[in-house]
Amino acid sequence: MIDTTHPERPMPVIDSVARLRELIGDPSPVVAHKFHEKLNARARDFIARSPLLFLATADADGRPCVSPKGDGPGVAIVEDDGTLLLPERKGNRLVYSLQNVLANPAVELIFVVPRTSETLRVQGRATLVDDPDLCARHDSRGRPALLVMRVAVTKCYFHCGKSLLRAGVWDPATWPDPVTVSFGCEIAEEGGLDSTEVETFDAAVRERYRQDV
């Protein structure tokens, strides 16, 4: 919306940490003690229960990418208290996150456990491994991993539950009706499909969801 009351008035921009702290304030001194350089027992247990994580990467120019990764409880495997393994499964083959890791190994993962408002954040440096034995050990539904992302942990901490509580994510009373996403329409809008092909394309997507997750 355009502000017509002050058409000549520039929008104020926060351009310093000092101004940011003036607005937000400083964290409690005890907060600094929640950060760990390794995965402690509580973090390892949380990861074992988590079926879903969000993986943040950035390319060589700093352009970010966040990708959801779901694979049932234990979506990532704790190799030891300083290492996580994230098997790669079949997807859309865009490989944005994987290409980013090749250019910039810094990653962050946010782990989610259903009905739990707190999340677990893990920072680290990633490498991509295609060892056949390792991929076979971390199979899913009888199919080996395509490759494995190994994350060397540099920081690990739990994030408070305020954002999920405000969103009502786990409260069914707040849930809206499901949103229907048509990939056929998305692709047709950019000229990749004829409008007569949309329903056939979407039916194929639904069938892959049913058989090939």
Protein backbone atom coordinates (compact mmCIF):
# COMPACT_ATOMS: atom_id res chain seq x y z
CA MET A 1 0.00 0.00 0.00
CA ILE A 2 1.33 3.45 -0.93
CA ASP A 3 1.49 5.98 1.89
CA THR A 4 -0.36 8.98 0.42
CA THR A 5 -0.30 10.95 3.68
CA HIS A 6 3.47 11.57 3.49
CA PRO A 7 4.44 11.15 -0.18
CA GLU A 8 7.81 12.87 0.25
CA ARG A 9 8.74 11.16 3.51
CA PRO A 10 11.52 8.54 3.16
CA MET A 11 11.06 5.22 4.94
CA PRO A 12 13.43 4.93 7.90
CA VAL A 13 16.00 2.16 7.52
CA ILE A 14 17.89 0.39 10.30
CA ASP A 15 21.54 0.54 9.29
CA SER A 16 23.50 -0.26 12.45
CA VAL A 17 23.66 -2.87 15.18
CA ALA A 18 23.39 -0.09 17.75
CA ARG A 19 20.02 1.01 16.34
CA LEU A 20 18.86 -2.60 16.12
CA ARG A 21 19.72 -3.17 19.77
CA GLU A 22 18.00 0.08 20.72
CA LEU A 23 14.79 -1.32 19.26
CA ILE A 24 15.08 -4.98 20.26
CA GLY A 25 17.20 -4.90 23.40
CA ASP A 26 19.94 -7.25 24.56
CA PRO A 27 19.52 -10.95 25.36
CA SER A 28 19.67 -12.19 28.92
CA PRO A 29 23.26 -13.06 29.93
CA VAL A 30 22.24 -16.68 30.58
CA VAL A 31 21.17 -17.14 26.93
CA ALA A 32 24.80 -17.35 25.84
CA HIS A 33 25.10 -20.60 27.79
CA LYS A 34 22.53 -22.47 25.69
CA PHE A 35 24.92 -22.75 22.73
CA HIS A 36 26.93 -25.94 22.33
CA GLU A 37 29.71 -26.94 19.95
CA LYS A 38 28.61 -30.59 19.97
CA LEU A 39 25.35 -32.52 19.97
CA ASN A 40 24.50 -33.28 23.59
CA ALA A 41 22.16 -36.06 24.69
CA ARG A 42 19.05 -33.84 24.47
CA ALA A 43 19.93 -32.75 20.93
CA ARG A 44 20.60 -36.31 19.81
CA ASP A 45 17.27 -37.46 21.23
CA PHE A 46 15.44 -34.59 19.50
CA ILE A 47 17.05 -35.42 16.15
CA ALA A 48 16.09 -39.08 16.53
CA ARG A 49 12.43 -38.03 16.96
CA SER A 50 12.39 -35.45 14.16
CA PRO A 51 10.81 -36.46 10.81
CA LEU A 52 11.29 -33.03 9.24
CA LEU A 53 14.04 -30.45 8.99
CA PHE A 54 14.67 -27.26 7.04
CA LEU A 55 18.08 -26.96 5.40
CA ALA A 56 19.50 -23.49 4.77
CA THR A 57 22.34 -23.01 2.30
CA ALA A 58 23.77 -20.13 0.28
CA ASP A 59 25.59 -19.97 -3.02
CA ALA A 60 28.99 -18.38 -3.62
CA ASP A 61 27.37 -14.94 -3.93
CA GLY A 62 25.38 -15.30 -0.70
CA ARG A 63 21.99 -15.98 -2.33
CA PRO A 64 20.09 -18.14 0.21
CA CYS A 65 18.04 -21.27 -0.26
CA VAL A 66 15.89 -23.06 2.33
CA SER A 67 14.68 -26.58 1.55
CA PRO A 68 12.44 -28.91 3.58
CA LYS A 69 13.71 -32.46 4.10
CA GLY A 70 11.37 -35.17 5.37
CA ASP A 71 12.14 -38.85 5.91
CA GLY A 72 10.30 -40.07 9.00
CA PRO A 73 11.70 -39.93 12.56
CA GLY A 74 15.46 -39.64 12.38
CA VAL A 75 15.42 -37.64 9.14
CA ALA A 76 19.12 -37.04 9.85
CA ILE A 77 21.41 -39.62 11.43
CA VAL A 78 23.77 -38.79 14.29
CA GLU A 79 27.10 -40.38 13.35
CA ASP A 80 28.76 -38.99 16.48
CA ASP A 81 28.38 -35.91 18.69
CA GLY A 82 30.05 -33.75 16.06
CA THR A 83 28.68 -35.21 12.83
CA LEU A 84 25.27 -35.53 11.16
CA LEU A 85 24.39 -37.53 8.05
CA LEU A 86 21.56 -36.43 5.80
CA PRO A 87 20.65 -38.99 3.09
CA GLU A 88 19.44 -37.55 -0.21
CA ARG A 89 16.22 -39.05 -1.65
CA LYS A 90 14.44 -38.73 -4.98
CA GLY A 91 13.08 -35.23 -5.62
CA ASN A 92 12.68 -32.64 -8.33
CA ARG A 93 16.37 -32.80 -9.35
CA LEU A 94 16.85 -29.04 -9.10
CA VAL A 95 19.65 -29.71 -6.53
CA TYR A 96 19.85 -26.06 -5.48
CA SER A 97 20.98 -26.93 -1.95
CA LEU A 98 23.51 -29.51 -3.14
CA GLN A 99 25.04 -27.13 -5.66
CA ASN A 100 25.25 -24.48 -2.95
CA VAL A 101 27.17 -26.83 -0.67
CA LEU A 102 29.75 -27.35 -3.42
CA ALA A 103 30.28 -23.59 -3.60
CA ASN A 104 29.75 -22.69 0.06
CA PRO A 105 29.82 -25.48 2.69
CA ALA A 106 28.24 -23.41 5.50
CA VAL A 107 24.77 -24.78 6.35
CA GLU A 108 22.12 -24.53 9.04
CA LEU A 109 19.43 -27.08 9.85
CA ILE A 110 16.24 -26.55 11.86
CA PHE A 111 14.73 -29.77 13.22
CA VAL A 112 10.99 -30.04 13.93
CA VAL A 113 9.20 -32.60 16.11
CA PRO A 114 5.40 -32.72 15.70
CA ARG A 115 3.42 -31.27 18.65
CA THR A 116 6.64 -29.77 20.09
CA SER A 117 6.91 -25.99 19.97
CA GLU A 118 10.67 -25.80 20.45
CA THR A 119 12.96 -26.48 17.49
CA LEU A 120 16.61 -27.49 17.30
CA ARG A 121 19.08 -25.45 15.24
CA VAL A 122 22.36 -26.91 14.07
CA GLN A 123 25.06 -25.00 12.21
CA GLY A 124 27.94 -26.68 10.45
CA ARG A 125 29.97 -27.30 7.34
CA ALA A 126 28.75 -29.83 4.81
CA THR A 127 30.37 -32.19 2.36
CA LEU A 128 28.69 -34.50 -0.16
CA VAL A 129 29.58 -38.20 -0.10
CA ASP A 130 28.61 -40.87 -2.65
CA ASP A 131 30.24 -43.91 -1.03
CA PRO A 132 28.09 -46.91 -2.12
CA ASP A 133 28.29 -48.68 1.23
CA LEU A 134 27.28 -45.55 3.14
CA CYS A 135 24.37 -44.90 0.75
CA ALA A 136 23.23 -48.52 1.06
CA ARG A 137 23.31 -48.37 4.88
CA HIS A 138 20.98 -45.38 4.83
CA ASP A 139 18.38 -46.73 2.45
CA SER A 140 14.66 -45.94 2.52
CA ARG A 141 11.90 -48.25 1.32
CA GLY A 142 14.51 -50.57 -0.11
CA ARG A 143 16.30 -47.87 -2.10
CA PRO A 144 19.77 -46.61 -1.18
CA ALA A 145 20.39 -42.93 -0.65
CA LEU A 146 21.43 -41.12 -3.83
CA LEU A 147 24.23 -39.52 -1.82
CA VAL A 148 24.79 -38.46 1.78
CA MET A 149 25.42 -34.96 3.10
CA ARG A 150 27.84 -35.10 6.02
CA VAL A 151 27.59 -32.09 8.34
CA ALA A 152 30.43 -31.28 10.71
CA VAL A 153 28.65 -29.53 13.60
CA THR A 154 29.97 -26.16 14.75
CA LYS A 155 27.03 -24.89 16.84
CA CYS A 156 23.86 -26.46 18.24
CA TYR A 157 21.06 -24.95 20.29
CA PHE A 158 17.35 -25.17 21.00
CA HIS A 159 15.12 -22.35 19.78
CA CYS A 160 12.25 -21.22 22.01
CA GLY A 161 8.68 -22.11 20.99
CA LYS A 162 7.16 -18.62 20.71
CA SER A 163 6.97 -18.54 16.90
CA LEU A 164 5.19 -21.89 16.62
CA LEU A 165 2.90 -21.04 19.55
CA ARG A 166 1.92 -17.75 17.93
CA ALA A 167 1.28 -19.56 14.65
CA GLY A 168 -0.86 -22.24 16.32
CA VAL A 169 0.90 -24.83 14.17
CA TRP A 170 -0.01 -27.79 16.40
CA ASP A 171 -3.50 -26.57 17.37
CA PRO A 172 -6.08 -28.14 15.01
CA ALA A 173 -8.61 -25.45 15.99
CA THR A 174 -6.48 -22.86 14.16
CA TRP A 175 -5.90 -24.87 10.98
CA PRO A 176 -7.32 -23.44 7.74
CA ASP A 177 -8.67 -25.61 4.95
CA PRO A 178 -5.91 -27.34 2.96
CA VAL A 179 -4.46 -25.40 0.04
CA THR A 180 -4.53 -27.12 -3.33
CA VAL A 181 -1.32 -26.49 -5.26
CA SER A 182 -1.40 -27.08 -9.01
CA PHE A 183 2.08 -27.55 -10.42
CA GLY A 184 0.41 -27.84 -13.81
CA CYS A 185 -0.95 -24.30 -13.50
CA GLU A 186 2.39 -23.02 -12.23
CA ILE A 187 4.22 -24.48 -15.21
CA ALA A 188 1.54 -23.51 -17.75
CA GLU A 189 1.70 -19.89 -16.59
CA GLU A 190 5.35 -19.76 -17.69
CA GLY A 191 4.66 -21.45 -21.02
CA GLY A 192 5.82 -24.95 -20.10
CA LEU A 193 2.42 -26.63 -20.62
CA ASP A 194 -0.68 -26.06 -22.67
CA SER A 195 -3.76 -25.32 -20.56
CA THR A 196 -5.32 -28.58 -21.78
CA GLU A 197 -2.43 -30.54 -20.21
CA VAL A 198 -2.72 -29.13 -16.69
CA GLU A 199 -5.10 -31.71 -15.22
CA THR A 200 -3.16 -34.62 -16.69
CA PHE A 201 0.07 -33.21 -15.25
CA ASP A 202 -1.48 -32.70 -11.80
CA ALA A 203 -2.94 -36.23 -11.84
CA ALA A 204 0.55 -37.59 -12.51
CA VAL A 205 1.91 -35.60 -9.55
CA ARG A 206 -0.80 -37.02 -7.27
CA GLU A 207 0.05 -40.54 -8.43
CA ARG A 208 3.74 -40.00 -7.67
CA TYR A 209 2.77 -38.76 -4.21
CA ARG A 210 0.80 -41.97 -3.71
CA GLN A 211 3.38 -44.43 -4.99
CA ASP A 212 6.81 -42.82 -4.95
CA VAL A 213 7.27 -40.83 -1.77
